[in-house]
Amino acid sequence: MKMEQYIRAIAGIVILITLTLGYLHHPYWHFFTAFVGLNLLQSAFTKWCLMEDILKKLGVV
């Protein structure tokens, strides 16, 4: 998989998990969902993504 595919997959998984936790446990989990969305948005404009740096340091790609 390419780096972009890893990032999209991780973002999608985190969003689905936090939406579920927000529904089942506490609505404050939706703030984490918003955080992921804001990071995706800022990376579209700045071309910098924290998850990409983390994956590189872990040696994924």
N, C-alpha and C. Protein backbone atom coordinates (compact mmCIF):
# COMPACT_ATOMS: atom_id res chain seq x y z
N MET A 1 0.83 -1.18 0.00
CA MET A 1 0.00 0.00 0.00
C MET A 1 0.88 1.24 0.00
N LYS A 2 0.35 2.28 -0.58
CA LYS A 2 1.05 3.56 -0.58
C LYS A 2 0.73 4.31 0.71
N MET A 3 1.57 5.31 1.02
CA MET A 3 1.41 6.09 2.24
C MET A 3 0.02 6.72 2.32
N GLU A 4 -0.46 7.27 1.23
CA GLU A 4 -1.77 7.92 1.21
C GLU A 4 -2.88 6.93 1.56
N GLN A 5 -2.75 5.71 1.09
CA GLN A 5 -3.76 4.69 1.39
C GLN A 5 -3.75 4.32 2.87
N TYR A 6 -2.55 4.22 3.46
CA TYR A 6 -2.45 3.94 4.89
C TYR A 6 -3.12 5.05 5.70
N ILE A 7 -2.83 6.30 5.33
CA ILE A 7 -3.39 7.43 6.07
C ILE A 7 -4.90 7.47 5.96
N ARG A 8 -5.43 7.25 4.78
CA ARG A 8 -6.89 7.24 4.60
C ARG A 8 -7.53 6.10 5.39
N ALA A 9 -6.89 4.94 5.38
CA ALA A 9 -7.44 3.79 6.12
C ALA A 9 -7.44 4.06 7.62
N ILE A 10 -6.35 4.59 8.13
CA ILE A 10 -6.26 4.89 9.56
C ILE A 10 -7.27 5.96 9.94
N ALA A 11 -7.38 7.01 9.14
CA ALA A 11 -8.34 8.08 9.42
C ALA A 11 -9.77 7.53 9.42
N GLY A 12 -10.10 6.70 8.46
CA GLY A 12 -11.43 6.12 8.40
C GLY A 12 -11.74 5.24 9.60
N ILE A 13 -10.77 4.43 10.00
CA ILE A 13 -10.96 3.56 11.16
C ILE A 13 -11.14 4.39 12.43
N VAL A 14 -10.30 5.41 12.61
CA VAL A 14 -10.40 6.25 13.81
C VAL A 14 -11.74 6.98 13.84
N ILE A 15 -12.17 7.49 12.71
CA ILE A 15 -13.46 8.19 12.66
C ILE A 15 -14.61 7.25 13.02
N LEU A 16 -14.61 6.06 12.46
CA LEU A 16 -15.68 5.10 12.77
C LEU A 16 -15.67 4.68 14.24
N ILE A 17 -14.48 4.46 14.79
CA ILE A 17 -14.38 4.07 16.20
C ILE A 17 -14.86 5.19 17.11
N THR A 18 -14.42 6.42 16.85
CA THR A 18 -14.80 7.52 17.74
C THR A 18 -16.28 7.88 17.60
N LEU A 19 -16.84 7.73 16.42
CA LEU A 19 -18.28 7.94 16.28
C LEU A 19 -19.06 6.90 17.08
N THR A 20 -18.60 5.66 17.03
CA THR A 20 -19.25 4.60 17.79
C THR A 20 -19.12 4.85 19.29
N LEU A 21 -17.92 5.21 19.74
CA LEU A 21 -17.72 5.50 21.16
C LEU A 21 -18.56 6.70 21.60
N GLY A 22 -18.68 7.70 20.73
CA GLY A 22 -19.51 8.85 21.06
C GLY A 22 -20.97 8.49 21.18
N TYR A 23 -21.41 7.56 20.39
CA TYR A 23 -22.81 7.12 20.45
C TYR A 23 -23.06 6.23 21.66
N LEU A 24 -22.13 5.32 21.94
CA LEU A 24 -22.34 4.34 23.00
C LEU A 24 -21.93 4.82 24.39
N HIS A 25 -20.91 5.67 24.49
CA HIS A 25 -20.37 6.03 25.80
C HIS A 25 -20.58 7.49 26.17
N HIS A 26 -19.93 8.38 25.41
CA HIS A 26 -20.02 9.80 25.76
C HIS A 26 -19.80 10.64 24.51
N PRO A 27 -20.62 11.69 24.34
CA PRO A 27 -20.51 12.52 23.13
C PRO A 27 -19.18 13.27 22.99
N TYR A 28 -18.41 13.37 24.07
CA TYR A 28 -17.11 14.05 23.96
C TYR A 28 -16.16 13.34 23.01
N TRP A 29 -16.41 12.07 22.72
CA TRP A 29 -15.59 11.36 21.74
C TRP A 29 -15.68 12.01 20.36
N HIS A 30 -16.76 12.72 20.10
CA HIS A 30 -16.92 13.37 18.80
C HIS A 30 -15.91 14.49 18.60
N PHE A 31 -15.35 15.02 19.69
CA PHE A 31 -14.28 16.01 19.55
C PHE A 31 -13.04 15.38 18.91
N PHE A 32 -12.77 14.13 19.24
CA PHE A 32 -11.64 13.44 18.60
C PHE A 32 -11.91 13.22 17.12
N THR A 33 -13.15 12.93 16.78
CA THR A 33 -13.53 12.80 15.37
C THR A 33 -13.28 14.12 14.64
N ALA A 34 -13.67 15.22 15.27
CA ALA A 34 -13.44 16.54 14.67
C ALA A 34 -11.94 16.83 14.53
N PHE A 35 -11.14 16.40 15.50
CA PHE A 35 -9.69 16.57 15.44
C PHE A 35 -9.10 15.86 14.22
N VAL A 36 -9.56 14.64 13.98
CA VAL A 36 -9.07 13.89 12.81
C VAL A 36 -9.48 14.61 11.52
N GLY A 37 -10.71 15.07 11.47
CA GLY A 37 -11.18 15.79 10.28
C GLY A 37 -10.40 17.07 10.04
N LEU A 38 -10.11 17.82 11.11
CA LEU A 38 -9.33 19.05 10.97
C LEU A 38 -7.91 18.76 10.51
N ASN A 39 -7.32 17.67 10.99
CA ASN A 39 -5.98 17.31 10.53
C ASN A 39 -5.99 16.93 9.05
N LEU A 40 -7.02 16.24 8.61
CA LEU A 40 -7.13 15.90 7.19
C LEU A 40 -7.26 17.17 6.35
N LEU A 41 -8.05 18.11 6.84
CA LEU A 41 -8.25 19.37 6.12
C LEU A 41 -6.96 20.18 6.06
N GLN A 42 -6.27 20.33 7.19
CA GLN A 42 -5.04 21.13 7.18
C GLN A 42 -3.97 20.47 6.31
N SER A 43 -3.93 19.13 6.28
CA SER A 43 -2.91 18.47 5.46
C SER A 43 -3.16 18.67 3.97
N ALA A 44 -4.40 18.91 3.60
CA ALA A 44 -4.71 19.17 2.19
C ALA A 44 -4.10 20.49 1.74
N PHE A 45 -3.98 21.45 2.67
CA PHE A 45 -3.44 22.76 2.31
C PHE A 45 -1.96 22.90 2.59
N THR A 46 -1.46 22.26 3.65
CA THR A 46 -0.07 22.44 4.04
C THR A 46 0.86 21.36 3.50
N LYS A 47 0.29 20.26 3.01
CA LYS A 47 1.06 19.10 2.52
C LYS A 47 1.87 18.45 3.64
N TRP A 48 1.46 18.64 4.91
CA TRP A 48 2.11 18.02 6.06
C TRP A 48 1.09 17.24 6.86
N CYS A 49 1.44 16.01 7.22
CA CYS A 49 0.53 15.16 7.97
C CYS A 49 1.31 14.47 9.08
N LEU A 50 0.85 14.64 10.30
CA LEU A 50 1.51 14.03 11.45
C LEU A 50 1.52 12.52 11.34
N MET A 51 0.43 11.92 10.89
CA MET A 51 0.38 10.46 10.77
C MET A 51 1.42 9.95 9.78
N GLU A 52 1.68 10.71 8.74
CA GLU A 52 2.71 10.31 7.78
C GLU A 52 4.07 10.26 8.46
N ASP A 53 4.38 11.25 9.29
CA ASP A 53 5.65 11.24 10.02
C ASP A 53 5.73 10.06 10.98
N ILE A 54 4.62 9.77 11.65
CA ILE A 54 4.59 8.65 12.59
C ILE A 54 4.81 7.33 11.86
N LEU A 55 4.13 7.14 10.73
CA LEU A 55 4.29 5.91 9.96
C LEU A 55 5.71 5.75 9.43
N LYS A 56 6.33 6.86 9.01
CA LYS A 56 7.72 6.80 8.53
C LYS A 56 8.67 6.38 9.65
N LYS A 57 8.46 6.94 10.86
CA LYS A 57 9.32 6.59 11.99
C LYS A 57 9.13 5.14 12.42
N LEU A 58 7.92 4.61 12.23
CA LEU A 58 7.66 3.21 12.55
C LEU A 58 8.17 2.27 11.47
N GLY A 59 8.58 2.83 10.32
CA GLY A 59 9.12 2.03 9.24
C GLY A 59 8.07 1.31 8.41
N VAL A 60 6.85 1.84 8.42
CA VAL A 60 5.77 1.20 7.67
C VAL A 60 6.01 1.32 6.17
N VAL A 61 6.45 2.47 5.75
CA VAL A 61 6.69 2.67 4.31
C VAL A 61 8.09 3.18 4.11
